[in-house]
Amino acid sequence: MKLFGNRQNENSFGSAPSSSLAGKYLVFELAGEFYGILLQKIQEIALVENIITVGPMPSYALGILEVRGNFLPVIDLRRRLNVREKKNDHRSSVLIAHITPPDGRTLAAGFLIDGIDDVLILPHETILETPYTLRNGLPGEFAGISRIGEGREKKTITLINVNALLTRKDINTLLS
């Protein structure tokens, strides 16, 4: 059984000035808040019903998902980011994303979210540095904040550095 899908190395998405964070983002909901991941990091969206529960796993892992012959770990993004948990519903989905951890290999993993919102182009002038209060989680997990829209349509989107969601220790635990 192959755990994690391997993919050719891509440019890393790390802590850089906000101008380098500009781009096309998949925006999704998690605990009533909006988050975004660079669209180029997303492979596809899968159904929650397809998650296979397996033996002992870390508390943030839900199981595995088979995608084209590869078994990928599925991470509950609510638990990983320490946000309020909720019951899955018809909008819940699994984002299959490509991550490039510090060792440089590119891997695929699934991340459970509450629902897809939109695909948006976020220009650099809408992206702000990550507020200090959001920096207390995983190192570098949040890349910045984007504020878009006007009036009632104004939306704040927390931009996620998908490469920082799993540490080397997490990957080794999930692979063992």
C-alpha atoms as a PDB file:
ATOM      1  CA  MET A   1       0.000   0.000   0.000  1.00  0.00           C
ATOM      2  CA  LYS A   2       1.427   3.383  -1.004  1.00  0.00           C
ATOM      3  CA  LEU A   3       0.752   6.006   1.649  1.00  0.00           C
ATOM      4  CA  PHE A   4       1.062   9.575   0.368  1.00  0.00           C
ATOM      5  CA  GLY A   5       1.053  10.222  -3.348  1.00  0.00           C
ATOM      6  CA  ASN A   6       4.408  11.452  -4.619  1.00  0.00           C
ATOM      7  CA  ARG A   7       4.599  14.267  -7.106  1.00  0.00           C
ATOM      8  CA  GLN A   8       7.361  16.231  -8.749  1.00  0.00           C
ATOM      9  CA  ASN A   9       8.721  19.045  -6.626  1.00  0.00           C
ATOM     10  CA  GLU A  10       6.907  22.368  -6.952  1.00  0.00           C
ATOM     11  CA  ASN A  11       7.849  25.830  -5.825  1.00  0.00           C
ATOM     12  CA  SER A  12       7.550  26.069  -2.090  1.00  0.00           C
ATOM     13  CA  PHE A  13       4.943  28.365  -0.589  1.00  0.00           C
ATOM     14  CA  GLY A  14       6.529  29.839   2.486  1.00  0.00           C
ATOM     15  CA  SER A  15       6.818  32.933   4.602  1.00  0.00           C
ATOM     16  CA  ALA A  16       7.509  35.622   2.037  1.00  0.00           C
ATOM     17  CA  PRO A  17       6.429  39.212   1.453  1.00  0.00           C
ATOM     18  CA  SER A  18       2.718  39.585   0.728  1.00  0.00           C
ATOM     19  CA  SER A  19       3.366  40.374  -2.960  1.00  0.00           C
ATOM     20  CA  SER A  20       4.571  36.790  -3.484  1.00  0.00           C
ATOM     21  CA  LEU A  21       1.358  35.479  -1.905  1.00  0.00           C
ATOM     22  CA  ALA A  22      -0.822  37.020  -4.601  1.00  0.00           C
ATOM     23  CA  GLY A  23      -2.575  34.489  -6.782  1.00  0.00           C
ATOM     24  CA  LYS A  24      -5.578  32.255  -7.282  1.00  0.00           C
ATOM     25  CA  TYR A  25      -6.927  30.689  -4.072  1.00  0.00           C
ATOM     26  CA  LEU A  26      -9.473  28.036  -3.249  1.00  0.00           C
ATOM     27  CA  VAL A  27     -11.490  29.634  -0.448  1.00  0.00           C
ATOM     28  CA  PHE A  28     -13.304  27.365   1.999  1.00  0.00           C
ATOM     29  CA  GLU A  29     -15.149  27.477   5.308  1.00  0.00           C
ATOM     30  CA  LEU A  30     -13.973  26.075   8.585  1.00  0.00           C
ATOM     31  CA  ALA A  31     -15.932  26.728  11.793  1.00  0.00           C
ATOM     32  CA  GLY A  32     -17.724  29.696  10.210  1.00  0.00           C
ATOM     33  CA  GLU A  33     -14.502  31.422   9.103  1.00  0.00           C
ATOM     34  CA  PHE A  34     -12.943  31.660   5.638  1.00  0.00           C
ATOM     35  CA  TYR A  35      -9.561  30.180   4.743  1.00  0.00           C
ATOM     36  CA  GLY A  36      -7.650  29.966   1.477  1.00  0.00           C
ATOM     37  CA  ILE A  37      -5.019  27.693  -0.052  1.00  0.00           C
ATOM     38  CA  LEU A  38      -3.195  28.476  -3.288  1.00  0.00           C
ATOM     39  CA  LEU A  39      -5.134  26.750  -6.052  1.00  0.00           C
ATOM     40  CA  GLN A  40      -1.946  25.324  -7.594  1.00  0.00           C
ATOM     41  CA  LYS A  41      -1.518  23.241  -4.405  1.00  0.00           C
ATOM     42  CA  ILE A  42      -4.959  21.598  -4.765  1.00  0.00           C
ATOM     43  CA  GLN A  43      -5.157  18.376  -6.770  1.00  0.00           C
ATOM     44  CA  GLU A  44      -8.873  17.690  -6.364  1.00  0.00           C
ATOM     45  CA  ILE A  45     -11.830  17.589  -3.993  1.00  0.00           C
ATOM     46  CA  ALA A  46     -13.074  14.261  -2.621  1.00  0.00           C
ATOM     47  CA  LEU A  47     -16.156  13.083  -0.744  1.00  0.00           C
ATOM     48  CA  VAL A  48     -16.066  12.612   3.021  1.00  0.00           C
ATOM     49  CA  GLU A  49     -17.934   9.294   2.669  1.00  0.00           C
ATOM     50  CA  ASN A  50     -14.868   7.747   1.011  1.00  0.00           C
ATOM     51  CA  ILE A  51     -12.621   8.053   4.100  1.00  0.00           C
ATOM     52  CA  ILE A  52     -11.449   4.642   5.335  1.00  0.00           C
ATOM     53  CA  THR A  53     -10.926   4.329   9.085  1.00  0.00           C
ATOM     54  CA  VAL A  54      -7.744   2.450   9.964  1.00  0.00           C
ATOM     55  CA  GLY A  55      -5.919   1.441  13.182  1.00  0.00           C
ATOM     56  CA  PRO A  56      -4.412   3.860  15.671  1.00  0.00           C
ATOM     57  CA  MET A  57      -3.708   7.287  14.212  1.00  0.00           C
ATOM     58  CA  PRO A  58      -2.901  10.708  15.667  1.00  0.00           C
ATOM     59  CA  SER A  59      -5.933  12.602  17.030  1.00  0.00           C
ATOM     60  CA  TYR A  60      -5.940  15.013  14.068  1.00  0.00           C
ATOM     61  CA  ALA A  61      -6.019  12.171  11.481  1.00  0.00           C
ATOM     62  CA  LEU A  62      -9.379  10.730  10.392  1.00  0.00           C
ATOM     63  CA  GLY A  63      -8.173   7.822   8.276  1.00  0.00           C
ATOM     64  CA  ILE A  64      -7.058   7.297   4.697  1.00  0.00           C
ATOM     65  CA  LEU A  65      -8.507   7.922   1.264  1.00  0.00           C
ATOM     66  CA  GLU A  66      -7.682   5.982  -1.901  1.00  0.00           C
ATOM     67  CA  VAL A  67      -6.965   8.274  -4.836  1.00  0.00           C
ATOM     68  CA  ARG A  68      -5.793   6.629  -8.078  1.00  0.00           C
ATOM     69  CA  GLY A  69      -4.064   3.739  -6.327  1.00  0.00           C
ATOM     70  CA  ASN A  70      -2.425   5.861  -3.623  1.00  0.00           C
ATOM     71  CA  PHE A  71      -3.621   5.863  -0.027  1.00  0.00           C
ATOM     72  CA  LEU A  72      -3.504   9.389   1.385  1.00  0.00           C
ATOM     73  CA  PRO A  73      -3.884  10.359   5.039  1.00  0.00           C
ATOM     74  CA  VAL A  74      -6.901  12.553   5.779  1.00  0.00           C
ATOM     75  CA  ILE A  75      -6.342  15.289   8.346  1.00  0.00           C
ATOM     76  CA  ASP A  76      -9.200  17.020  10.170  1.00  0.00           C
ATOM     77  CA  LEU A  77      -8.239  20.640   9.499  1.00  0.00           C
ATOM     78  CA  ARG A  78     -10.489  21.806  12.356  1.00  0.00           C
ATOM     79  CA  ARG A  79      -8.458  19.789  14.852  1.00  0.00           C
ATOM     80  CA  ARG A  80      -5.149  20.676  13.220  1.00  0.00           C
ATOM     81  CA  LEU A  81      -5.852  24.398  13.437  1.00  0.00           C
ATOM     82  CA  ASN A  82      -7.514  24.171  16.875  1.00  0.00           C
ATOM     83  CA  VAL A  83     -10.847  25.593  15.728  1.00  0.00           C
ATOM     84  CA  ARG A  84     -14.324  24.629  16.879  1.00  0.00           C
ATOM     85  CA  GLU A  85     -15.380  21.203  15.654  1.00  0.00           C
ATOM     86  CA  LYS A  86     -18.739  20.560  14.040  1.00  0.00           C
ATOM     87  CA  LYS A  87     -20.583  17.610  12.601  1.00  0.00           C
ATOM     88  CA  ASN A  88     -19.935  16.882   8.920  1.00  0.00           C
ATOM     89  CA  ASP A  89     -22.807  17.717   6.575  1.00  0.00           C
ATOM     90  CA  HIS A  90     -23.539  17.739   2.830  1.00  0.00           C
ATOM     91  CA  ARG A  91     -21.060  20.610   2.300  1.00  0.00           C
ATOM     92  CA  SER A  92     -18.133  18.868   4.033  1.00  0.00           C
ATOM     93  CA  SER A  93     -15.350  17.886   1.629  1.00  0.00           C
ATOM     94  CA  VAL A  94     -11.791  16.618   1.558  1.00  0.00           C
ATOM     95  CA  LEU A  95      -9.238  18.806  -0.223  1.00  0.00           C
ATOM     96  CA  ILE A  96      -6.442  16.741  -1.745  1.00  0.00           C
ATOM     97  CA  ALA A  97      -3.443  19.066  -1.553  1.00  0.00           C
ATOM     98  CA  HIS A  98       0.233  18.807  -2.423  1.00  0.00           C
ATOM     99  CA  ILE A  99       2.575  19.628   0.422  1.00  0.00           C
ATOM    100  CA  THR A 100       6.326  20.110   0.295  1.00  0.00           C
ATOM    101  CA  PRO A 101       7.742  19.565   3.788  1.00  0.00           C
ATOM    102  CA  PRO A 102      11.270  20.701   4.739  1.00  0.00           C
ATOM    103  CA  ASP A 103      12.872  17.562   3.281  1.00  0.00           C
ATOM    104  CA  GLY A 104      11.847  18.742  -0.215  1.00  0.00           C
ATOM    105  CA  ARG A 105       9.758  15.788  -1.428  1.00  0.00           C
ATOM    106  CA  THR A 106       6.236  16.628  -2.560  1.00  0.00           C
ATOM    107  CA  LEU A 107       3.455  14.552  -1.012  1.00  0.00           C
ATOM    108  CA  ALA A 108      -0.328  14.532  -1.246  1.00  0.00           C
ATOM    109  CA  ALA A 109      -2.645  14.525   1.761  1.00  0.00           C
ATOM    110  CA  GLY A 110      -6.355  15.093   2.325  1.00  0.00           C
ATOM    111  CA  PHE A 111      -7.716  17.857   4.555  1.00  0.00           C
ATOM    112  CA  LEU A 112     -11.308  17.784   5.838  1.00  0.00           C
ATOM    113  CA  ILE A 113     -13.075  21.143   5.487  1.00  0.00           C
ATOM    114  CA  ASP A 114     -16.618  22.361   6.191  1.00  0.00           C
ATOM    115  CA  GLY A 115     -17.362  23.529   2.645  1.00  0.00           C
ATOM    116  CA  ILE A 116     -16.034  25.152  -0.511  1.00  0.00           C
ATOM    117  CA  ASP A 117     -16.784  28.863  -0.864  1.00  0.00           C
ATOM    118  CA  ASP A 118     -15.138  30.136  -4.054  1.00  0.00           C
ATOM    119  CA  VAL A 119     -12.031  30.407  -6.203  1.00  0.00           C
ATOM    120  CA  LEU A 120     -10.698  33.956  -5.967  1.00  0.00           C
ATOM    121  CA  ILE A 121      -7.783  35.887  -7.402  1.00  0.00           C
ATOM    122  CA  LEU A 122      -6.214  37.759  -4.497  1.00  0.00           C
ATOM    123  CA  PRO A 123      -4.012  40.673  -5.590  1.00  0.00           C
ATOM    124  CA  HIS A 124      -1.032  41.548  -3.386  1.00  0.00           C
ATOM    125  CA  GLU A 125      -2.631  44.791  -2.173  1.00  0.00           C
ATOM    126  CA  THR A 126      -5.402  42.782  -0.424  1.00  0.00           C
ATOM    127  CA  ILE A 127      -2.940  40.609   1.534  1.00  0.00           C
ATOM    128  CA  LEU A 128      -1.690  41.628   4.967  1.00  0.00           C
ATOM    129  CA  GLU A 129       0.935  40.083   7.228  1.00  0.00           C
ATOM    130  CA  THR A 130      -0.337  37.375   9.575  1.00  0.00           C
ATOM    131  CA  PRO A 131      -1.484  39.013  12.836  1.00  0.00           C
ATOM    132  CA  TYR A 132       0.609  38.149  15.896  1.00  0.00           C
ATOM    133  CA  THR A 133      -2.376  36.449  17.578  1.00  0.00           C
ATOM    134  CA  LEU A 134      -2.512  33.826  14.802  1.00  0.00           C
ATOM    135  CA  ARG A 135       1.164  32.914  15.092  1.00  0.00           C
ATOM    136  CA  ASN A 136       0.786  30.710  18.174  1.00  0.00           C
ATOM    137  CA  GLY A 137      -0.057  27.486  16.310  1.00  0.00           C
ATOM    138  CA  LEU A 138       2.145  25.455  14.021  1.00  0.00           C
ATOM    139  CA  PRO A 139       5.218  27.352  12.819  1.00  0.00           C
ATOM    140  CA  GLY A 140       4.318  29.243   9.656  1.00  0.00           C
ATOM    141  CA  GLU A 141       0.916  27.616   9.113  1.00  0.00           C
ATOM    142  CA  PHE A 142      -0.702  30.975   8.336  1.00  0.00           C
ATOM    143  CA  ALA A 143       0.801  32.887   5.419  1.00  0.00           C
ATOM    144  CA  GLY A 144      -1.282  36.055   5.671  1.00  0.00           C
ATOM    145  CA  ILE A 145      -4.741  37.599   5.806  1.00  0.00           C
ATOM    146  CA  SER A 146      -6.725  38.939   2.866  1.00  0.00           C
ATOM    147  CA  ARG A 147      -9.579  41.437   3.135  1.00  0.00           C
ATOM    148  CA  ILE A 148     -11.825  41.651   0.096  1.00  0.00           C
ATOM    149  CA  GLY A 149     -15.237  43.062  -0.776  1.00  0.00           C
ATOM    150  CA  GLU A 150     -17.249  46.032   0.420  1.00  0.00           C
ATOM    151  CA  GLY A 151     -19.819  46.592   3.174  1.00  0.00           C
ATOM    152  CA  ARG A 152     -21.824  43.459   4.024  1.00  0.00           C
ATOM    153  CA  GLU A 153     -19.915  41.580   1.330  1.00  0.00           C
ATOM    154  CA  LYS A 154     -16.579  42.226   3.074  1.00  0.00           C
ATOM    155  CA  LYS A 155     -14.760  38.980   3.768  1.00  0.00           C
ATOM    156  CA  THR A 156     -11.606  38.164   5.731  1.00  0.00           C
ATOM    157  CA  ILE A 157      -9.693  35.137   4.455  1.00  0.00           C
ATOM    158  CA  THR A 158      -6.882  33.535   6.433  1.00  0.00           C
ATOM    159  CA  LEU A 159      -4.300  32.234   3.966  1.00  0.00           C
ATOM    160  CA  ILE A 160      -2.850  28.847   4.863  1.00  0.00           C
ATOM    161  CA  ASN A 161       0.685  27.730   4.119  1.00  0.00           C
ATOM    162  CA  VAL A 162      -0.249  24.134   3.285  1.00  0.00           C
ATOM    163  CA  ASN A 163       3.424  23.083   3.497  1.00  0.00           C
ATOM    164  CA  ALA A 164       3.453  23.887   7.226  1.00  0.00           C
ATOM    165  CA  LEU A 165       0.328  21.884   8.138  1.00  0.00           C
ATOM    166  CA  LEU A 166       2.285  18.669   8.653  1.00  0.00           C
ATOM    167  CA  THR A 167       5.665  18.586  10.350  1.00  0.00           C
ATOM    168  CA  ARG A 168       8.354  16.017   9.590  1.00  0.00           C
ATOM    169  CA  LYS A 169       7.317  14.227  12.815  1.00  0.00           C
ATOM    170  CA  ASP A 170       3.659  14.171  11.659  1.00  0.00           C
ATOM    171  CA  ILE A 171       4.643  12.688   8.308  1.00  0.00           C
ATOM    172  CA  ASN A 172       6.825  10.033   9.942  1.00  0.00           C
ATOM    173  CA  THR A 173       3.974   9.148  12.336  1.00  0.00           C
ATOM    174  CA  LEU A 174       1.477   8.843   9.481  1.00  0.00           C
ATOM    175  CA  LEU A 175       3.882   6.755   7.397  1.00  0.00           C
ATOM    176  CA  SER A 176       4.628   4.288  10.201  1.00  0.00           C
END
